[in-house]
Protein backbone atom coordinates (compact mmCIF):
# COMPACT_ATOMS: atom_id res chain seq x y z
CA MET A 1 121.41 82.17 103.01
CA THR A 2 121.72 83.10 106.43
CA LYS A 3 123.70 86.13 107.37
CA PRO A 4 124.83 87.77 110.46
CA ALA A 5 122.95 91.37 111.00
CA LYS A 6 125.62 94.19 111.01
CA LYS A 7 123.09 95.61 113.73
CA PRO A 8 120.02 94.26 114.99
CA LEU A 9 116.53 95.81 114.32
CA PRO A 10 115.18 98.21 116.77
CA ARG A 11 112.70 97.64 119.29
CA GLY A 12 110.31 100.53 120.02
CA VAL A 13 108.78 102.98 118.04
CA VAL A 14 109.70 103.70 114.20
CA ALA A 15 108.64 106.80 112.69
CA SER A 16 108.30 106.68 109.22
CA SER A 17 110.15 110.01 107.64
CA VAL A 18 108.26 112.04 104.80
CA THR A 19 110.21 113.35 101.81
CA PRO A 20 109.63 117.12 101.54
CA PHE A 21 108.71 118.49 98.29
CA ASN A 22 109.11 122.16 96.94
CA LYS A 23 105.83 123.29 94.83
CA ASP A 24 107.42 122.40 91.62
CA GLY A 25 107.84 118.84 93.08
CA ALA A 26 111.37 119.02 93.47
CA ILE A 27 112.95 117.43 96.27
CA ASN A 28 113.85 119.74 99.00
CA PHE A 29 116.88 118.58 100.39
CA ARG A 30 117.38 121.46 102.93
CA ALA A 31 114.15 120.52 104.70
CA PHE A 32 115.73 116.81 105.60
CA LYS A 33 117.63 117.56 108.55
CA PRO A 34 115.22 119.79 110.66
CA HIS A 35 112.63 117.25 110.08
CA LEU A 36 114.67 114.41 110.78
CA ASP A 37 115.89 116.16 113.93
CA TRP A 38 112.12 116.55 115.23
CA LEU A 39 111.88 113.11 114.98
CA ILE A 40 114.53 111.90 116.81
CA SER A 41 113.62 114.76 119.56
CA GLU A 42 110.49 113.12 119.88
CA GLY A 43 112.35 110.12 121.29
CA VAL A 44 111.78 107.32 118.21
CA ALA A 45 113.89 104.37 118.09
CA GLY A 46 114.36 104.33 114.34
CA ILE A 47 113.57 105.88 111.50
CA SER A 48 112.16 104.54 108.04
CA PRO A 49 113.17 106.42 105.08
CA LEU A 50 111.09 106.07 101.86
CA GLY A 51 108.18 104.00 103.28
CA SER A 52 104.22 104.73 102.38
CA SER A 53 104.76 108.35 104.10
CA GLY A 54 107.77 108.80 102.33
CA GLU A 55 106.24 108.64 99.17
CA PHE A 56 108.42 105.93 97.40
CA PHE A 57 105.90 105.17 95.00
CA ALA A 58 105.81 108.87 93.52
CA MET A 59 109.61 108.77 92.64
CA GLU A 60 111.90 108.01 90.11
CA SER A 61 114.84 105.43 91.23
CA ASP A 62 117.74 107.83 90.72
CA ASP A 63 115.77 110.35 93.02
CA ARG A 64 114.94 107.64 95.69
CA LYS A 65 118.70 107.00 95.86
CA LYS A 66 118.92 110.60 96.26
CA VAL A 67 116.80 110.84 99.21
CA VAL A 68 118.03 107.60 100.84
CA GLU A 69 121.69 109.69 100.87
CA ALA A 70 120.71 112.79 102.15
CA GLN A 71 118.37 110.95 104.92
CA LEU A 72 121.35 108.92 106.17
CA GLU A 73 123.46 111.64 106.27
CA ALA A 74 120.87 113.90 108.23
CA ILE A 75 120.54 111.01 110.62
CA GLY A 76 124.07 110.27 111.09
CA GLY A 77 124.09 107.21 113.15
CA ARG A 78 121.92 108.68 115.84
CA VAL A 79 119.23 106.42 115.20
CA HIS A 80 118.56 102.75 113.51
CA THR A 81 117.72 103.58 109.74
CA MET A 82 115.53 100.85 108.07
CA VAL A 83 115.41 102.24 104.26
CA GLY A 84 112.62 101.44 101.86
CA SER A 85 113.81 99.62 98.96
CA HIS A 86 110.51 98.45 97.32
CA HIS A 87 109.55 97.67 93.76
CA TYR A 88 107.88 95.37 92.02
CA SER A 89 111.15 94.20 89.70
CA THR A 90 113.09 91.71 91.81
CA ARG A 91 116.29 93.36 89.70
CA ILE A 92 115.30 97.10 90.68
CA ALA A 93 114.85 96.00 94.12
CA ILE A 94 117.71 94.24 94.10
CA ASP A 95 120.00 97.77 93.08
CA LEU A 96 117.94 99.69 95.49
CA SER A 97 118.70 97.39 98.40
CA LYS A 98 122.06 97.39 97.29
CA HIS A 99 122.84 101.13 97.18
CA ALA A 100 120.53 101.51 100.83
CA GLU A 101 123.37 99.30 102.32
CA GLN A 102 126.43 101.31 100.69
CA ALA A 103 125.07 103.98 101.86
CA GLY A 104 124.61 103.00 105.37
CA ALA A 105 121.34 101.89 106.30
CA ASP A 106 120.93 99.34 109.07
CA SER A 107 117.88 97.18 107.39
CA LEU A 108 115.60 97.37 104.79
CA LEU A 109 111.86 97.41 104.70
CA ILE A 110 110.18 96.14 101.83
CA VAL A 111 107.04 95.72 100.66
CA PRO A 112 105.61 92.63 98.36
CA PRO A 113 105.36 93.09 94.55
CA TYR A 114 102.28 94.71 93.75
CA TYR A 115 99.67 95.46 90.43
CA GLY A 116 101.41 92.78 88.57
CA LEU A 117 99.96 90.06 91.26
CA PRO A 118 102.77 87.10 91.47
CA THR A 119 102.24 83.96 93.13
CA ALA A 120 102.96 83.61 97.02
CA GLU A 121 106.04 81.22 95.64
CA GLY A 122 107.28 84.30 93.49
CA VAL A 123 106.42 86.91 95.97
CA MET A 124 108.99 84.60 98.64
CA ASP A 125 111.23 84.12 96.16
CA HIS A 126 111.86 87.77 95.47
CA TYR A 127 112.38 88.36 99.28
CA ARG A 128 114.88 85.26 98.85
CA ARG A 129 116.94 86.73 95.95
CA ILE A 130 117.07 90.30 97.79
CA ALA A 131 118.59 88.38 100.80
CA ASP A 132 121.15 87.06 98.73
CA ALA A 133 122.28 90.43 97.32
CA VAL A 134 122.69 92.36 101.04
CA THR A 135 123.88 91.49 104.33
CA ILE A 136 121.48 93.77 106.48
CA PRO A 137 118.20 92.42 107.39
CA ILE A 138 115.10 92.69 105.63
CA VAL A 139 111.32 93.59 107.04
CA LEU A 140 108.58 92.59 105.17
CA TYR A 141 106.12 95.12 104.65
CA HIS A 142 103.02 92.69 104.92
CA ASN A 143 100.56 95.47 103.26
CA VAL A 144 97.83 93.63 102.16
CA THR A 145 95.46 96.77 101.05
CA GLY A 146 98.23 98.30 99.30
CA THR A 147 99.33 94.94 97.19
CA ASN A 148 96.81 92.46 97.33
CA VAL A 149 99.27 89.95 98.84
CA ASP A 150 98.82 88.20 101.63
CA LEU A 151 101.19 85.88 102.83
CA ASN A 152 100.01 83.44 105.74
CA THR A 153 101.85 82.56 108.75
CA GLU A 154 103.29 79.61 107.49
CA GLN A 155 104.87 81.31 104.87
CA LEU A 156 106.19 84.06 106.48
CA SER A 157 107.58 81.66 108.97
CA THR A 158 109.26 79.88 106.26
CA LEU A 159 111.31 83.08 105.11
CA PHE A 160 111.86 83.39 108.41
CA GLN A 161 113.49 80.02 108.87
CA GLU A 162 115.17 80.56 105.81
CA GLY A 163 117.00 84.13 107.05
CA ALA A 164 115.37 85.61 104.08
CA ILE A 165 113.96 88.31 106.42
CA LYS A 166 114.17 89.27 109.82
CA GLY A 167 111.24 91.00 110.70
CA VAL A 168 107.81 91.88 109.42
CA LYS A 169 105.93 95.18 109.73
CA MET A 170 102.48 93.72 109.95
CA SER A 171 99.52 96.61 108.33
CA ASN A 172 96.71 94.18 108.68
CA MET A 173 93.68 94.88 110.55
CA LEU A 174 93.52 91.57 112.25
CA PRO A 175 95.59 91.70 115.44
CA ASP A 176 95.39 87.75 115.39
CA ARG A 177 98.11 87.98 112.74
CA VAL A 178 100.41 89.52 114.83
CA VAL A 179 99.55 87.11 117.68
CA GLY A 180 100.27 84.10 114.98
CA LEU A 181 103.68 84.97 114.24
CA LEU A 182 104.44 85.82 118.14
CA GLN A 183 103.25 82.50 118.74
CA ALA A 184 105.26 80.76 116.09
CA ASN A 185 108.14 80.11 118.46
CA LEU A 186 110.64 82.32 115.62
CA SER A 187 113.38 82.92 116.95
CA ASP A 188 115.26 86.24 116.02
CA ALA A 189 111.84 87.55 114.41
CA THR A 190 110.68 91.07 115.02
CA ILE A 191 107.34 91.99 114.74
CA TYR A 192 105.88 95.40 114.35
CA ALA A 193 102.15 96.65 114.45
CA GLY A 194 102.05 98.40 111.01
CA ILE A 195 98.33 100.18 111.40
CA ASP A 196 97.46 102.03 114.32
CA TYR A 197 94.16 100.20 114.99
CA ILE A 198 96.28 96.79 115.93
CA ALA A 199 99.10 98.52 117.94
CA PHE A 200 97.61 98.52 121.28
CA GLU A 201 96.92 95.06 121.40
CA SER A 202 99.83 93.72 118.96
CA LEU A 203 101.91 95.35 121.92
CA ALA A 204 99.63 93.68 124.73
CA HIS A 205 100.83 90.44 123.06
CA GLY A 206 104.54 91.33 123.00
CA ALA A 207 104.81 92.63 119.23
CA HIS A 208 108.76 94.52 119.45
CA GLY A 209 108.00 97.47 117.64
CA TRP A 210 105.24 99.79 116.40
CA ILE A 211 105.62 101.75 112.52
CA SER A 212 102.76 103.61 111.31
CA ALA A 213 100.78 106.87 110.89
CA LEU A 214 100.92 107.76 114.84
CA PRO A 215 104.45 107.13 115.19
CA SER A 216 105.64 109.16 112.55
CA LEU A 217 102.88 112.25 113.03
CA THR A 218 102.79 112.19 116.83
CA PRO A 219 106.04 110.08 117.83
CA ARG A 220 106.01 111.50 121.42
CA VAL A 221 102.30 110.19 121.84
CA ALA A 222 103.54 106.91 120.20
CA CYS A 223 106.62 106.56 122.54
CA ASP A 224 104.86 107.08 125.71
CA ILE A 225 101.94 104.69 124.41
CA TYR A 226 104.83 101.72 124.01
CA GLN A 227 106.64 102.92 127.33
CA SER A 228 103.89 102.33 129.24
CA LEU A 229 102.41 99.07 127.29
CA ALA A 230 105.95 97.35 126.20
CA VAL A 231 108.18 98.35 128.77
CA ASN A 232 106.50 99.14 131.99
CA GLY A 233 103.36 96.63 131.87
CA ASP A 234 101.16 99.29 133.01
CA LEU A 235 97.98 99.15 131.20
CA VAL A 236 96.13 101.49 133.19
CA THR A 237 98.18 104.01 132.10
CA ALA A 238 98.68 102.91 128.45
CA ARG A 239 95.12 102.62 128.37
CA LYS A 240 94.24 106.07 129.14
CA GLN A 241 97.10 107.11 126.53
CA TRP A 242 95.27 105.05 123.99
CA ALA A 243 92.11 106.76 124.99
CA LYS A 244 93.53 110.40 124.65
CA ALA A 245 95.00 109.31 120.69
CA ALA A 246 92.09 107.75 119.61
CA PRO A 247 90.50 110.83 117.89
CA LEU A 248 93.72 111.79 116.12
CA MET A 249 93.91 107.96 114.81
CA ARG A 250 90.14 107.68 113.92
CA PHE A 251 90.76 110.86 112.16
CA VAL A 252 93.42 109.95 110.12
CA PHE A 253 91.80 106.65 109.06
CA ARG A 254 88.73 108.21 107.94
CA PHE A 255 91.19 109.27 104.82
CA TRP A 256 93.12 106.00 104.22
CA ALA A 257 92.16 105.02 100.88
CA PRO A 258 90.42 101.67 101.56
CA ALA A 259 88.12 103.17 104.06
CA SER A 260 87.95 106.81 102.59
CA ASN A 261 84.42 106.14 101.17
CA GLY A 262 85.06 109.28 98.93
CA GLU A 263 86.36 111.88 101.44
CA PRO A 264 88.01 114.70 99.81
CA ALA A 265 91.42 114.36 101.12
CA HIS A 266 93.98 111.63 101.39
CA TRP A 267 95.99 110.46 104.82
CA LEU A 268 99.39 111.73 102.88
CA SER A 269 97.84 115.02 102.77
CA ILE A 270 96.77 115.04 106.88
CA MET A 271 100.46 113.40 107.35
CA LYS A 272 102.17 116.48 105.94
CA ALA A 273 99.46 119.26 106.97
CA GLY A 274 100.01 117.84 111.13
CA LEU A 275 103.76 117.91 110.72
CA ASN A 276 103.87 121.56 108.73
CA MET A 277 101.78 122.86 112.14
CA ILE A 278 103.93 121.17 114.99
CA GLY A 279 107.37 120.50 113.44
CA PRO A 280 109.86 122.06 110.60
CA ASP A 281 108.13 122.57 107.06
CA VAL A 282 107.52 119.46 104.92
CA GLY A 283 106.06 120.95 101.99
CA GLU A 284 103.00 119.12 100.39
CA PRO A 285 102.23 115.50 99.09
CA LEU A 286 103.06 114.89 95.21
CA SER A 287 99.99 114.89 92.96
CA PRO A 288 97.57 112.82 93.08
CA SER A 289 97.31 113.43 96.11
CA ALA A 290 95.71 117.12 97.15
CA PRO A 291 96.60 119.17 100.25
CA LEU A 292 94.44 119.29 103.12
CA GLY A 293 91.56 121.42 102.89
CA PRO A 294 90.90 124.30 105.60
CA GLU A 295 87.83 122.46 107.36
CA ASN A 296 89.87 119.26 107.61
CA SER A 297 92.95 121.38 108.64
CA ALA A 298 90.83 123.02 111.59
CA ILE A 299 89.78 119.67 113.02
CA LEU A 300 93.59 118.43 112.79
CA ALA A 301 94.95 121.22 114.55
CA LYS A 302 92.67 121.08 117.10
CA LEU A 303 93.36 117.39 117.30
CA LEU A 304 97.10 117.84 117.70
CA LYS A 305 96.43 120.71 120.30
CA ASP A 306 94.53 118.20 122.60
CA LEU A 307 97.39 116.00 122.40
CA GLY A 308 99.72 118.79 124.06
CA TYR A 309 101.44 120.18 120.78
CA THR A 310 102.10 123.57 120.02
CA VAL A 311 100.23 124.07 117.00
CA ARG A 312 101.61 126.62 114.40
CA SER A 313 98.57 128.57 112.30
């Protein structure tokens, strides 16, 4: 099963690009390049189309393929591309993964099969089968709250040792899950912090990168923290940068579904509203995610200004 990677997984900050939509819900293909150019100008090491921020779960497979083709063309090889090819069906996930590879993706980001709650062995076999069908590396998106699938360190290590996966995006509120993988002495394993709240601890322990909300909404801020902490080992500067970014992270987390407690908005609404304030227009999230209201928009605008961004009214 082990195959040589065409391109190594990126180290650093990877932004999850959003999918721009028109008011009627149709994909706004003309908005892709300005959005992606802006992300690249912020200094990211990679871009991940059709992650959670890309609303893959709200699109049919044909539209997802069109999004992949358009975004990869717009990126044009300037940074690493980690395409989301998630699906509960192993057969459909293989089809999406093969298409992404043929379209030019450098790697794949794949969340475990959700809703149907397969066994751990079934989940592991899902990744093995996809890995057998492609030659580019797979990053397992360990999103427990979104999937109710929680592979343990031993199970993840097995997938690494078999060559089924080359990386893990650890979207788990427990920093020790990242630390456990880093201490498992896995060769050729790339571990990413997948939730903002654990990014500082994860990078301090040696995580190789960061893929979550802050890298996708304010990539420059995330890149500065990564540079100070992971590259320069400058803990004093990194703490100051983290403290400055913390209010925005806490604001976004308020609207994260498992922690929202009935808040009148969704984190996707914050992502798109914020990007519309400081970058090229990306539209609004698809229903059932509602646009951000005026009160929270004002709070978000101030938080972005405090981080040095020019905010459009």
